Amino acid sequence: MRLTGPLRQRRAQRPAGHRLHPHRARLPGRRRRPGRGRSGSRRPAARRRPAAPAPPGGRMSVLSTVAALTASRTGRAEPLTTVRHHHLDDKPFVLVPLTLAGEACAPLAALAGTDPEHPVLLTVRQPRNRAERFRFAERLAALLLAHIDECRAETELYTVGRGKEKEERLRFQRAPQLLVPNGEGIAYVRLLGRLTRLRATEGPYAVDPSVPALGKWLTWFADLAEFPDSGVLLAMTRLLAAHWATGQSPSEDSHLASLLAWIDPPEGSDGATAAREAEDPAVWPPAGPSTDPVFDRTLHELMTRYDEASDDRGREAVGRQIDRELNGQMLPTWRLMWRGVELLRELPEGAHVPGRWERDRRWFSEYAEYLDADGRPQARRDQAVRAARRLARLEDAVARYEAERAYDDPLVMAEYELTGEAFTGTVTARDEDRFVPGGRPGSQVWRPTLTLRTDARTVPAVGTGVKSPARSDQGARILEVRQEDDGGHTVVLQIEGGFARKRKPPAPPGTLAGTGEELTYTTLNPKAMPSALPDEGDTPWTHGGPPQPYEPTDEDAEETWE
C-alpha cells in the first residue's frame, strides 16, 4: 500500500542507508558469507519459531491416503476417526482476526465472543496508528479477560502424589478454550501476545494495564498450542482435518470454507463442486488473518478517505463504512467456525479426552495463581535449561497423545496394525495355572499365558512388551511367535500383573481373557513414565547453573520481529 501522511514524511526524512534495525544493515555491495549468520559470526542465523506443530492425526498414513482417494471418488469427506479426540467447551471463545497486509502484526479487525448469534466486532480504522492498535488490544482484553474470569468462578479439590507425598490442591472447574480458524490464527495469537505482554503501563508510551495482561494470557495460549494433547487453543482447520479426509490436498485443507464443503456439502451438491465454489473470495472471503488482495484495494481507498476527511463527522461516516466492510469479510468465517463446532460435537468424546482437559484445567489454575502471586511476563527467549525441559515435555506429550488416540479409536489403532506396532487376534487357549522362576532362588511367580491367532502379516518381535486397550492396566510380554501357512501368526503372551494384587490363581473375574475373546495388543503405552530431568536448582555449572528469574527490561518492549 502507498504510504500517506506522517508515515511518508518520516520515511522521507530518514538519511540514506537508514534502516529500522541498524544491526541488520549491510554495506552496499557487500554479500553475506556462506555459513555465517546476520552478524557475520559463524553462529547460524536464528530460525523462525513455527506457529505450532501439525497434529499427529494429520499425518498422511496408508489409511488416510485410502480415505482421501475414497472421498475423491464419492465426492464427500471420509471419517478418519470414530470419536472426537479434543475437548470442546460448552462456551468456547471464538476469535476471527484480520491483519493489515504487509505488516507483521498490525491488527485490522476481529470478530470475537462466545455467542454464535451475537459476535462482537472490533476494528482498527487506521492500523498504522499506534494508539488505535492498543485501543484494539484494550477492547479485546475486555472480552477475553472477562471470559477468563468466568472460568475462575468455581473451584474443586484434586489429589496429587502418593503415600506421604499425597496432598490436596484446588483447581478451577473450567478452563478457557480459544478457537481460531486456522494455523495462521495461532501464529497471530502468538505475535499479538508478544506485541502486548511487555508493554509498560507507566511512562511516555504507557498502555492500559489490561494490555500486558492480555499479552501474558495470549502467550500462555500460544505456548500450550504446541502441545498436541492440549485443547486451550485450537485451529478449526486442523481439528476438522484430523477427523475427516477430503478429496483435496492437505494444503487445500487449510482453507476453512472448502474443507467444510467436503465434510458438509450443500444439498444436491458434492464436495468437489462445493469446494470449488468456496474458493471464490467474493462469496467466501479468506478466513484470515491475511485479507484478499481485491479487498485490500477497497480498504486502502476507504482508509485514504478516512485520513483526508475534513471534519469529525465525515471521518466517522467513513469509519462506519470501514466497519461494515470488515464485518462483511469476517462474518462468513464466523458462521463456518460455529458450523465446524456443531459437526465436531456430533462425534462422541474419546475416553482419554476428559483426562487431558483436566490437565489443561490444572495448568490454567497454576498459571492464574502465578499471575496473582508474581505477575511477571514470559521471557522473550527461553533459557537453555527451560528450553530443554520444554522439549522433553513436548516429546512426552506427543508420544502419550498418539497412544491415547489409538487406545480410544479402532480406526487410529488400525494404522499401527499396518506398521506392525499392534495386532488383533482371537484367544484360542490360556494357561491360568502357569508359574515361572522368580528373582529369588527357589521362588515362583504367577505368570499365566494367552495364545492368540491373528491374521496380521507383521507382529512385534519376541520379548516385546505390549498392552491391550481392553485391559490397559495389565502388561504382557510376547513369548513366542509362529507364522502360519496362510500368512497369519500365532502369538503366545505372558500376562504380567493386572490381577488386583492376587499372586496365585484363580484370576479375579474379568481380569484374564477367555477363549474366543477378540483382543488388540500394541506396543503403545499411554501411561509410560515421562523423561526424568533434574530440578532447575540442580543444574550443574557446566550447563550454566540454575537459571535466574526473568526480569523484563525497557528494551523488551521494542518491536523487533524475527
Protein backbone atom coordinates (compact mmCIF):
# COMPACT_ATOMS: atom_id res chain seq x y z
CA MET A 1 0.00 0.00 0.00
CA ARG A 2 1.09 3.60 -0.65
CA LEU A 3 2.25 5.48 2.44
CA THR A 4 0.46 8.73 3.21
CA GLY A 5 0.60 11.46 5.83
CA PRO A 6 3.08 11.41 8.73
CA LEU A 7 4.49 7.96 7.89
CA ARG A 8 5.53 9.12 4.43
CA GLN A 9 7.10 12.27 5.87
CA ARG A 10 9.11 10.31 8.43
CA ARG A 11 10.39 7.92 5.78
CA ALA A 12 11.40 10.89 3.59
CA GLN A 13 13.34 12.43 6.50
CA ARG A 14 15.49 9.30 7.05
CA PRO A 15 19.10 9.59 5.89
CA ALA A 16 20.25 7.36 3.06
CA GLY A 17 21.05 3.86 4.21
CA HIS A 18 18.97 4.24 7.36
CA ARG A 19 17.15 1.10 8.45
CA LEU A 20 14.65 0.39 11.18
CA HIS A 21 17.11 -2.19 12.59
CA PRO A 22 20.67 -0.83 12.32
CA HIS A 23 22.20 -4.13 13.44
CA ARG A 24 20.81 -5.72 10.26
CA ALA A 25 22.21 -3.08 7.90
CA ARG A 26 24.91 -4.13 5.38
CA LEU A 27 27.31 -2.04 3.35
CA PRO A 28 26.29 -1.58 -0.30
CA GLY A 29 27.58 -4.41 -2.47
CA ARG A 30 28.71 -6.50 0.49
CA ARG A 31 27.43 -10.04 0.48
CA ARG A 32 26.83 -12.25 3.45
CA ARG A 33 29.42 -15.03 3.51
CA PRO A 34 28.03 -18.57 3.24
CA GLY A 35 27.54 -20.36 6.51
CA ARG A 36 27.51 -17.17 8.55
CA GLY A 37 24.66 -15.54 10.44
CA ARG A 38 23.40 -11.99 10.04
CA SER A 39 26.06 -10.59 12.36
CA GLY A 40 28.88 -12.15 10.32
CA SER A 41 29.85 -14.65 13.02
CA ARG A 42 29.93 -18.38 12.41
CA ARG A 43 26.84 -18.85 14.52
CA PRO A 44 23.95 -19.87 12.24
CA ALA A 45 21.20 -17.33 11.75
CA ALA A 46 18.27 -17.66 14.13
CA ARG A 47 15.45 -19.70 12.72
CA ARG A 48 11.86 -18.58 12.90
CA ARG A 49 9.80 -20.28 15.52
CA PRO A 50 6.97 -22.32 14.00
CA ALA A 51 3.39 -21.39 14.88
CA ALA A 52 2.55 -24.86 16.12
CA PRO A 53 3.30 -28.42 15.09
CA ALA A 54 0.85 -30.27 12.91
CA PRO A 55 -1.29 -32.64 14.95
CA PRO A 56 -0.26 -36.30 14.90
CA GLY A 57 -3.64 -37.22 13.48
CA GLY A 58 -2.94 -35.05 10.45
CA ARG A 59 -0.04 -37.10 9.00
CA MET A 60 -0.57 -38.94 5.73
CA SER A 61 -0.74 -42.64 6.61
CA VAL A 62 -1.85 -45.53 4.42
CA LEU A 63 -5.39 -45.39 5.79
CA SER A 64 -5.69 -41.61 5.47
CA THR A 65 -4.46 -41.86 1.86
CA VAL A 66 -7.07 -44.53 1.09
CA ALA A 67 -9.73 -42.39 2.79
CA ALA A 68 -8.72 -39.36 0.69
CA LEU A 69 -8.96 -41.42 -2.51
CA THR A 70 -12.37 -42.70 -1.44
CA ALA A 71 -13.54 -39.14 -0.73
CA SER A 72 -12.31 -38.04 -4.14
CA ARG A 73 -14.32 -40.83 -5.77
CA THR A 74 -17.53 -40.38 -3.76
CA GLY A 75 -17.45 -36.58 -3.54
CA ARG A 76 -17.78 -36.50 0.25
CA ALA A 77 -15.27 -36.46 3.11
CA GLU A 78 -14.47 -39.80 4.75
CA PRO A 79 -14.17 -40.11 8.56
CA LEU A 80 -10.68 -40.78 9.90
CA THR A 81 -11.83 -41.39 13.46
CA THR A 82 -14.80 -42.86 15.30
CA VAL A 83 -14.57 -40.43 18.24
CA ARG A 84 -13.58 -36.81 18.86
CA HIS A 85 -10.06 -36.53 20.25
CA HIS A 86 -10.29 -32.99 21.65
CA HIS A 87 -12.47 -31.42 24.29
CA LEU A 88 -15.00 -28.83 23.12
CA ASP A 89 -16.18 -26.41 25.75
CA ASP A 90 -19.85 -25.51 26.08
CA LYS A 91 -18.89 -21.86 25.55
CA PRO A 92 -15.65 -21.66 23.55
CA PHE A 93 -14.22 -18.22 22.85
CA VAL A 94 -14.10 -17.88 19.05
CA LEU A 95 -11.67 -15.36 17.53
CA VAL A 96 -11.64 -14.49 13.80
CA PRO A 97 -8.78 -11.97 13.29
CA LEU A 98 -7.65 -9.88 10.33
CA THR A 99 -4.35 -8.06 9.95
CA LEU A 100 -3.22 -5.26 7.66
CA ALA A 101 -1.47 -6.54 4.53
CA GLY A 102 2.28 -6.02 4.53
CA GLU A 103 2.62 -5.69 8.32
CA ALA A 104 3.96 -8.28 10.76
CA CYS A 105 1.17 -7.90 13.28
CA ALA A 106 -0.91 -4.79 12.69
CA PRO A 107 -4.40 -5.65 13.99
CA LEU A 108 -7.07 -4.68 11.49
CA ALA A 109 -10.24 -6.24 12.87
CA ALA A 110 -11.66 -9.22 14.72
CA LEU A 111 -14.94 -10.93 15.47
CA ALA A 112 -14.86 -12.38 18.95
CA GLY A 113 -17.10 -13.86 21.60
CA THR A 114 -18.88 -16.95 22.87
CA ASP A 115 -22.35 -16.32 21.38
CA PRO A 116 -22.79 -17.62 17.80
CA GLU A 117 -25.63 -15.18 17.13
CA HIS A 118 -24.03 -12.06 18.57
CA PRO A 119 -20.34 -11.68 17.69
CA VAL A 120 -18.52 -8.59 18.93
CA LEU A 121 -16.91 -6.53 16.17
CA LEU A 122 -13.51 -4.95 16.88
CA THR A 123 -11.95 -2.74 14.22
CA VAL A 124 -8.91 -0.51 13.78
CA ARG A 125 -9.77 2.17 11.25
CA GLN A 126 -6.14 3.23 10.88
CA PRO A 127 -3.91 0.23 11.78
CA ARG A 128 -0.69 2.23 11.34
CA ASN A 129 -1.70 4.41 14.27
CA ARG A 130 -0.05 3.01 17.40
CA ALA A 131 -2.71 4.40 19.74
CA GLU A 132 -5.51 2.77 17.75
CA ARG A 133 -3.73 -0.59 17.74
CA PHE A 134 -3.53 -0.60 21.51
CA ARG A 135 -7.13 0.55 21.86
CA PHE A 136 -7.98 -2.55 19.84
CA ALA A 137 -5.95 -4.61 22.33
CA GLU A 138 -7.84 -2.98 25.21
CA ARG A 139 -11.21 -3.91 23.71
CA LEU A 140 -10.08 -7.47 23.03
CA ALA A 141 -8.71 -7.68 26.58
CA ALA A 142 -12.07 -6.58 27.98
CA LEU A 143 -13.71 -9.54 26.23
CA LEU A 144 -11.12 -12.27 26.76
CA LEU A 145 -10.15 -11.39 30.34
CA ALA A 146 -13.83 -11.32 31.31
CA HIS A 147 -14.21 -14.81 29.81
CA ILE A 148 -11.16 -15.99 31.75
CA ASP A 149 -12.61 -14.57 34.97
CA GLU A 150 -15.83 -16.51 34.33
CA CYS A 151 -13.78 -19.71 34.15
CA ARG A 152 -12.27 -18.90 37.56
CA ALA A 153 -15.64 -18.67 39.30
CA GLU A 154 -15.79 -22.22 40.73
CA THR A 155 -13.07 -24.50 42.08
CA GLU A 156 -12.72 -28.13 43.09
CA LEU A 157 -10.28 -30.23 45.12
CA TYR A 158 -7.99 -32.78 43.50
CA THR A 159 -5.22 -35.02 44.81
CA VAL A 160 -1.62 -35.19 43.64
CA GLY A 161 1.19 -37.52 44.70
CA ARG A 162 1.13 -40.82 46.52
CA GLY A 163 1.78 -42.04 50.02
CA LYS A 164 3.42 -39.48 52.27
CA GLU A 165 3.72 -37.00 49.37
CA LYS A 166 -0.02 -37.05 48.76
CA GLU A 167 -1.66 -33.64 49.02
CA GLU A 168 -4.85 -31.87 48.03
CA ARG A 169 -4.91 -28.83 45.77
CA LEU A 170 -7.50 -26.53 44.21
CA ARG A 171 -8.19 -26.15 40.52
CA PHE A 172 -10.85 -24.38 38.53
CA GLN A 173 -13.78 -26.40 37.24
CA ARG A 174 -13.47 -24.69 33.86
CA ALA A 175 -10.67 -23.51 31.63
CA PRO A 176 -10.87 -21.06 28.72
CA GLN A 177 -10.84 -22.52 25.23
CA LEU A 178 -9.85 -20.29 22.32
CA LEU A 179 -10.81 -21.32 18.77
CA VAL A 180 -9.27 -19.70 15.68
CA PRO A 181 -9.92 -20.52 12.01
CA ASN A 182 -6.52 -21.93 11.02
CA GLY A 183 -2.86 -22.35 11.91
CA GLU A 184 -2.13 -18.77 10.87
CA GLY A 185 -4.61 -17.73 13.55
CA ILE A 186 -2.43 -19.45 16.16
CA ALA A 187 0.60 -17.55 14.84
CA TYR A 188 -1.43 -14.34 15.12
CA VAL A 189 -2.23 -15.09 18.77
CA ARG A 190 1.47 -15.64 19.45
CA LEU A 191 2.51 -12.41 17.73
CA LEU A 192 -0.20 -10.34 19.39
CA GLY A 193 0.85 -11.75 22.76
CA ARG A 194 4.45 -10.83 22.06
CA LEU A 195 3.40 -7.35 20.95
CA THR A 196 1.44 -6.64 24.14
CA ARG A 197 2.81 -8.61 27.11
CA LEU A 198 5.94 -6.49 27.62
CA ARG A 199 4.31 -3.08 27.29
CA ALA A 200 4.87 -0.54 30.05
CA THR A 201 1.88 0.77 31.98
CA GLU A 202 3.78 3.91 33.03
CA GLY A 203 5.86 6.47 31.18
CA PRO A 204 5.56 8.28 27.83
CA TYR A 205 4.15 5.31 25.91
CA ALA A 206 2.06 3.77 28.66
CA VAL A 207 -0.79 1.42 27.82
CA ASP A 208 -3.77 0.31 29.83
CA PRO A 209 -2.88 -2.43 32.41
CA SER A 210 -5.26 -4.80 30.63
CA VAL A 211 -3.00 -4.80 27.54
CA PRO A 212 0.04 -6.58 29.10
CA ALA A 213 -2.38 -8.86 30.98
CA LEU A 214 -3.91 -9.81 27.64
CA GLY A 215 -0.44 -10.43 26.21
CA LYS A 216 0.52 -12.81 29.02
CA TRP A 217 -2.62 -14.88 28.52
CA LEU A 218 -2.27 -14.93 24.72
CA THR A 219 1.31 -16.13 25.10
CA TRP A 220 0.12 -18.83 27.52
CA PHE A 221 -2.47 -19.95 24.95
CA ALA A 222 0.09 -19.99 22.13
CA ASP A 223 2.69 -21.90 24.16
CA LEU A 224 0.20 -24.66 25.00
CA ALA A 225 -0.95 -24.84 21.38
CA GLU A 226 2.37 -26.54 20.60
CA PHE A 227 1.35 -29.50 22.78
CA PRO A 228 -0.90 -31.87 20.78
CA ASP A 229 -2.72 -33.04 23.91
CA SER A 230 -3.78 -29.53 24.95
CA GLY A 231 -7.15 -28.08 23.98
CA VAL A 232 -6.93 -24.48 25.18
CA LEU A 233 -6.06 -23.06 21.72
CA LEU A 234 -7.22 -24.96 18.65
CA ALA A 235 -7.31 -24.22 14.92
CA MET A 236 -10.59 -25.29 13.32
CA THR A 237 -8.98 -26.45 10.06
CA ARG A 238 -6.58 -28.73 11.96
CA LEU A 239 -9.38 -30.10 14.10
CA LEU A 240 -11.55 -30.94 11.11
CA ALA A 241 -8.68 -32.36 9.03
CA ALA A 242 -7.71 -34.67 11.90
CA HIS A 243 -11.21 -36.20 11.91
CA TRP A 244 -12.12 -36.22 8.19
CA ALA A 245 -10.23 -36.92 4.97
CA THR A 246 -11.18 -34.88 1.91
CA GLY A 247 -10.50 -35.36 -1.78
CA GLN A 248 -8.18 -32.34 -1.90
CA SER A 249 -4.56 -31.83 -0.89
CA PRO A 250 -3.51 -31.14 2.73
CA SER A 251 -2.58 -27.56 1.79
CA GLU A 252 -6.09 -27.03 0.40
CA ASP A 253 -7.49 -28.36 3.68
CA SER A 254 -6.13 -25.20 5.33
CA HIS A 255 -8.93 -23.29 3.56
CA LEU A 256 -11.81 -23.49 6.02
CA ALA A 257 -14.65 -22.94 3.54
CA SER A 258 -13.51 -25.62 1.08
CA LEU A 259 -12.73 -28.06 3.91
CA LEU A 260 -16.24 -27.73 5.31
CA ALA A 261 -17.64 -28.00 1.78
CA TRP A 262 -16.21 -31.52 1.57
CA ILE A 263 -17.41 -32.51 5.04
CA ASP A 264 -20.88 -30.96 4.83
CA PRO A 265 -21.72 -30.10 1.19
CA PRO A 266 -24.99 -28.32 0.40
CA GLU A 267 -27.95 -30.48 -0.50
CA GLY A 268 -27.85 -31.52 -4.14
CA SER A 269 -24.09 -30.91 -4.48
CA ASP A 270 -20.91 -32.86 -3.82
CA GLY A 271 -17.72 -31.93 -2.02
CA ALA A 272 -15.60 -31.16 -5.07
CA THR A 273 -18.19 -28.83 -6.61
CA ALA A 274 -18.90 -27.09 -3.30
CA ALA A 275 -15.17 -26.70 -2.61
CA ARG A 276 -14.60 -25.01 -5.98
CA GLU A 277 -17.41 -22.59 -5.24
CA ALA A 278 -15.97 -21.93 -1.77
CA GLU A 279 -12.71 -20.73 -3.31
CA ASP A 280 -14.41 -17.59 -4.63
CA PRO A 281 -13.24 -14.81 -2.25
CA ALA A 282 -16.23 -12.68 -3.19
CA VAL A 283 -18.56 -15.32 -1.70
CA TRP A 284 -16.29 -16.82 0.97
CA PRO A 285 -13.58 -14.31 1.96
CA PRO A 286 -10.30 -15.69 3.35
CA ALA A 287 -10.54 -16.91 6.93
CA GLY A 288 -7.68 -14.62 7.91
CA PRO A 289 -5.55 -13.23 9.32
CA SER A 290 -4.48 -12.31 5.77
CA THR A 291 -7.00 -10.46 3.63
CA ASP A 292 -8.00 -10.78 -0.02
CA PRO A 293 -5.92 -8.52 -2.35
CA VAL A 294 -9.06 -7.23 -4.06
CA PHE A 295 -10.48 -6.24 -0.68
CA ASP A 296 -7.14 -4.60 0.17
CA ARG A 297 -7.68 -2.09 -2.62
CA THR A 298 -11.15 -1.27 -1.33
CA LEU A 299 -9.78 -0.92 2.19
CA HIS A 300 -6.94 1.32 1.03
CA GLU A 301 -9.40 3.68 -0.66
CA LEU A 302 -11.56 3.85 2.47
CA MET A 303 -8.56 4.48 4.73
CA THR A 304 -7.37 7.24 2.41
CA ARG A 305 -10.78 8.88 2.61
CA TYR A 306 -10.72 8.42 6.39
CA ASP A 307 -7.36 10.20 6.70
CA GLU A 308 -8.38 13.00 4.34
CA ALA A 309 -11.80 13.66 5.87
CA SER A 310 -12.24 17.37 6.55
CA ASP A 311 -14.13 17.04 9.84
CA ASP A 312 -15.00 14.52 12.56
CA ARG A 313 -18.48 13.92 11.15
CA GLY A 314 -17.14 12.92 7.75
CA ARG A 315 -14.40 10.81 9.32
CA GLU A 316 -16.95 8.96 11.46
CA ALA A 317 -19.14 8.26 8.41
CA VAL A 318 -16.19 6.72 6.57
CA GLY A 319 -15.23 4.83 9.74
CA ARG A 320 -18.66 3.21 9.89
CA GLN A 321 -18.27 2.16 6.26
CA ILE A 322 -14.88 0.60 7.10
CA ASP A 323 -16.55 -1.29 9.96
CA ARG A 324 -19.26 -2.64 7.64
CA GLU A 325 -16.74 -3.80 5.05
CA LEU A 326 -14.59 -5.54 7.66
CA ASN A 327 -17.61 -7.16 9.28
CA GLY A 328 -18.66 -8.49 5.86
CA GLN A 329 -15.21 -10.04 5.40
CA MET A 330 -15.27 -11.90 8.74
CA LEU A 331 -18.92 -12.85 9.21
CA PRO A 332 -18.86 -15.83 6.76
CA THR A 333 -15.84 -17.26 8.59
CA TRP A 334 -17.57 -16.69 11.94
CA ARG A 335 -20.52 -18.80 10.76
CA LEU A 336 -18.21 -21.50 9.39
CA MET A 337 -16.45 -21.68 12.76
CA TRP A 338 -19.66 -22.46 14.60
CA ARG A 339 -20.72 -24.93 11.90
CA GLY A 340 -17.44 -26.72 12.49
CA VAL A 341 -18.14 -26.79 16.23
CA GLU A 342 -21.56 -28.35 15.55
CA LEU A 343 -20.06 -31.08 13.34
CA LEU A 344 -17.37 -31.92 15.89
CA ARG A 345 -19.89 -32.09 18.73
CA GLU A 346 -21.79 -34.78 16.82
CA LEU A 347 -18.82 -37.11 17.38
CA PRO A 348 -18.67 -38.90 20.76
CA GLU A 349 -15.81 -37.85 23.00
CA GLY A 350 -12.82 -40.19 23.32
CA ALA A 351 -12.24 -41.93 26.65
CA HIS A 352 -8.97 -40.08 27.37
CA VAL A 353 -10.29 -36.62 26.42
CA PRO A 354 -11.66 -35.73 29.91
CA GLY A 355 -8.30 -36.59 31.48
CA ARG A 356 -6.45 -34.32 29.07
CA TRP A 357 -8.90 -31.50 29.75
CA GLU A 358 -8.34 -31.97 33.50
CA ARG A 359 -4.65 -31.42 32.85
CA ASP A 360 -5.48 -28.24 30.91
CA ARG A 361 -7.60 -27.03 33.83
CA ARG A 362 -4.72 -27.71 36.20
CA TRP A 363 -2.29 -25.77 34.01
CA PHE A 364 -4.80 -22.92 33.78
CA SER A 365 -5.19 -22.88 37.56
CA GLU A 366 -1.44 -22.89 38.15
CA TYR A 367 -0.80 -20.06 35.69
CA ALA A 368 -3.63 -17.96 37.12
CA GLU A 369 -2.15 -18.49 40.60
CA TYR A 370 1.29 -17.49 39.29
CA LEU A 371 -0.07 -14.26 37.81
CA ASP A 372 -1.82 -13.42 41.07
CA ALA A 373 1.35 -14.03 43.11
CA ASP A 374 4.13 -12.87 40.76
CA GLY A 375 2.77 -11.44 37.54
CA ARG A 376 6.00 -11.22 35.53
CA PRO A 377 5.56 -11.85 31.80
CA GLN A 378 7.11 -14.71 29.87
CA ALA A 379 10.68 -14.09 28.73
CA ARG A 380 11.38 -13.12 25.13
CA ARG A 381 13.54 -16.25 24.80
CA ASP A 382 13.68 -19.45 26.81
CA GLN A 383 16.81 -20.08 28.83
CA ALA A 384 18.75 -23.21 27.87
CA VAL A 385 17.59 -25.32 30.81
CA ARG A 386 13.94 -24.40 30.45
CA ALA A 387 14.09 -24.94 26.69
CA ALA A 388 15.44 -28.45 27.27
CA ARG A 389 12.71 -29.20 29.81
CA ARG A 390 10.07 -27.87 27.43
CA LEU A 391 11.40 -30.03 24.59
CA ALA A 392 11.26 -33.11 26.82
CA ARG A 393 7.67 -32.27 27.78
CA LEU A 394 6.75 -31.87 24.11
CA GLU A 395 8.23 -35.26 23.21
CA ASP A 396 6.40 -36.96 26.08
CA ALA A 397 3.14 -35.22 25.14
CA VAL A 398 3.36 -36.35 21.51
CA ALA A 399 4.02 -39.99 22.45
CA ARG A 400 1.29 -40.02 25.09
CA TYR A 401 -1.26 -38.33 22.81
CA GLU A 402 -0.64 -40.76 19.94
CA ALA A 403 -1.02 -43.72 22.29
CA GLU A 404 -4.22 -42.37 23.84
CA ARG A 405 -5.76 -41.73 20.42
CA ALA A 406 -5.03 -45.31 19.40
CA TYR A 407 -6.48 -46.71 22.64
CA ASP A 408 -9.67 -44.66 22.16
CA ASP A 409 -10.20 -45.24 18.46
CA PRO A 410 -10.06 -48.51 16.46
CA LEU A 411 -9.55 -46.56 13.22
CA VAL A 412 -6.41 -44.94 14.64
CA MET A 413 -5.22 -48.28 16.03
CA ALA A 414 -5.61 -49.80 12.55
CA GLU A 415 -2.80 -47.53 11.34
CA TYR A 416 -0.45 -49.13 13.88
CA GLU A 417 -1.59 -52.60 12.87
CA LEU A 418 -0.41 -51.85 9.34
CA THR A 419 3.05 -50.89 10.64
CA GLY A 420 3.38 -53.93 12.90
CA GLU A 421 3.11 -51.98 16.16
CA ALA A 422 -0.23 -53.61 17.01
CA PHE A 423 -2.23 -56.72 16.15
CA THR A 424 -5.73 -58.04 16.75
CA GLY A 425 -6.43 -61.70 17.36
CA THR A 426 -8.75 -64.24 18.95
CA VAL A 427 -7.81 -66.07 22.15
CA THR A 428 -7.51 -69.77 21.30
CA ALA A 429 -6.02 -71.03 24.57
CA ARG A 430 -4.97 -69.88 28.02
CA ASP A 431 -2.87 -71.32 30.82
CA GLU A 432 -4.14 -69.84 34.07
CA ASP A 433 -2.02 -72.04 36.38
CA ARG A 434 1.41 -71.26 34.93
CA PHE A 435 4.28 -70.33 37.28
CA VAL A 436 7.85 -69.33 36.39
CA PRO A 437 11.02 -68.99 38.49
CA GLY A 438 11.17 -65.70 40.39
CA GLY A 439 14.03 -63.36 41.16
CA ARG A 440 14.98 -65.09 44.39
CA PRO A 441 16.38 -68.65 44.42
CA GLY A 442 13.62 -71.22 44.68
CA SER A 443 10.79 -68.66 44.36
CA GLN A 444 7.92 -68.96 41.90
CA VAL A 445 5.78 -66.17 40.43
CA TRP A 446 2.39 -66.49 38.80
CA ARG A 447 2.56 -65.73 35.07
CA PRO A 448 -0.46 -67.05 33.10
CA THR A 449 -0.32 -67.10 29.30
CA LEU A 450 -2.74 -66.39 26.46
CA THR A 451 -2.47 -67.80 22.93
CA LEU A 452 -3.90 -65.62 20.16
CA ARG A 453 -4.49 -66.37 16.50
CA THR A 454 -4.15 -63.28 14.30
CA ASP A 455 -4.37 -62.63 10.56
CA ALA A 456 -1.80 -59.83 10.86
CA ARG A 457 1.12 -60.19 8.46
CA THR A 458 3.52 -58.44 10.84
CA VAL A 459 3.57 -58.59 14.64
CA PRO A 460 6.01 -57.29 17.29
CA ALA A 461 9.10 -59.38 17.98
CA VAL A 462 9.54 -61.92 20.77
CA GLY A 463 10.31 -60.23 24.09
CA THR A 464 8.41 -57.04 23.26
CA GLY A 465 6.19 -55.61 25.98
CA VAL A 466 2.61 -54.99 24.85
CA LYS A 467 -0.72 -53.86 26.30
CA SER A 468 -4.37 -54.19 25.36
CA PRO A 469 -6.76 -51.20 25.34
CA ALA A 470 -9.39 -53.54 26.80
CA ARG A 471 -7.21 -54.00 29.93
CA SER A 472 -4.84 -51.05 29.89
CA ASP A 473 -3.58 -51.70 33.45
CA GLN A 474 -2.39 -55.19 32.53
CA GLY A 475 1.00 -55.64 30.94
CA ALA A 476 2.05 -58.55 28.75
CA ARG A 477 5.17 -59.84 27.00
CA ILE A 478 5.45 -61.82 23.79
CA LEU A 479 6.90 -65.28 24.49
CA GLU A 480 6.52 -66.94 21.11
CA VAL A 481 5.52 -66.06 17.54
CA ARG A 482 4.71 -68.75 14.97
CA GLN A 483 3.89 -67.95 11.35
CA GLU A 484 1.04 -69.98 9.87
CA ASP A 485 0.66 -71.29 6.32
CA ASP A 486 -1.97 -68.65 5.46
CA GLY A 487 0.37 -65.79 6.38
CA GLY A 488 -1.16 -65.16 9.80
CA HIS A 489 0.53 -65.73 13.15
CA THR A 490 0.01 -67.49 16.45
CA VAL A 491 1.25 -65.35 19.32
CA VAL A 492 1.82 -66.56 22.89
CA LEU A 493 1.64 -63.82 25.53
CA GLN A 494 2.79 -63.89 29.14
CA ILE A 495 0.47 -61.79 31.30
CA GLU A 496 2.31 -59.72 33.92
CA GLY A 497 0.08 -58.25 36.60
CA GLY A 498 -3.31 -56.65 36.47
CA PHE A 499 -4.97 -59.20 38.78
CA ALA A 500 -5.98 -56.87 41.63
CA ARG A 501 -2.78 -57.80 43.54
CA LYS A 502 -3.55 -61.52 43.52
CA ARG A 503 -0.42 -63.67 43.31
CA LYS A 504 -1.93 -67.07 42.60
CA PRO A 505 -4.84 -68.48 40.62
CA PRO A 506 -7.71 -68.27 40.07
CA ALA A 507 -7.71 -64.89 38.36
CA PRO A 508 -10.38 -62.41 39.52
CA PRO A 509 -13.39 -62.37 37.18
CA GLY A 510 -12.78 -60.33 34.04
CA THR A 511 -9.04 -59.88 34.54
CA LEU A 512 -7.90 -62.77 32.31
CA ALA A 513 -9.39 -63.05 28.84
CA GLY A 514 -11.30 -66.20 27.99
CA THR A 515 -11.09 -68.32 24.86
CA GLY A 516 -12.95 -66.87 21.92
CA GLU A 517 -12.44 -63.25 23.07
CA GLU A 518 -11.04 -60.86 20.46
CA LEU A 519 -8.25 -58.63 21.73
CA THR A 520 -5.92 -55.98 20.37
CA TYR A 521 -2.37 -55.70 21.69
CA THR A 522 0.04 -52.88 20.93
CA THR A 523 3.49 -51.62 21.86
CA LEU A 524 1.96 -48.19 22.58
CA ASN A 525 1.66 -47.27 26.24
CA PRO A 526 -0.22 -44.08 27.21
CA LYS A 527 0.96 -44.47 30.82
CA ALA A 528 4.67 -44.61 30.07
CA MET A 529 6.79 -42.68 32.54
CA PRO A 530 7.88 -39.24 31.27
CA SER A 531 11.50 -38.26 30.82
CA ALA A 532 13.24 -37.65 34.14
CA LEU A 533 15.18 -34.39 34.31
CA PRO A 534 16.86 -32.82 37.37
CA ASP A 535 15.28 -29.86 39.11
CA GLU A 536 16.23 -26.44 37.78
CA GLY A 537 18.04 -25.71 41.03
CA ASP A 538 20.31 -28.75 40.47
CA THR A 539 21.57 -27.62 37.05
CA PRO A 540 25.39 -28.09 37.08
CA TRP A 541 27.75 -25.21 36.40
CA THR A 542 28.79 -26.93 33.14
CA HIS A 543 25.30 -26.15 31.83
CA GLY A 544 25.15 -22.58 33.09
CA GLY A 545 23.98 -23.30 36.62
CA PRO A 546 20.45 -22.72 37.89
CA PRO A 547 18.58 -20.28 35.61
CA GLN A 548 17.91 -16.85 37.03
CA PRO A 549 14.34 -15.47 37.19
CA TYR A 550 13.40 -13.40 34.17
CA GLU A 551 13.36 -9.63 34.73
CA PRO A 552 11.73 -7.60 31.91
CA THR A 553 13.59 -4.53 30.67
CA ASP A 554 12.63 -1.47 28.64
CA GLU A 555 14.33 -2.96 25.58
CA ASP A 556 11.98 -5.96 25.71
CA ALA A 557 9.08 -3.76 24.65
CA GLU A 558 10.75 -2.78 21.38
CA GLU A 559 9.02 -4.28 18.34
CA THR A 560 11.79 -6.40 16.82
CA TRP A 561 10.22 -9.05 14.59
CA GLU A 562 12.34 -12.13 13.87
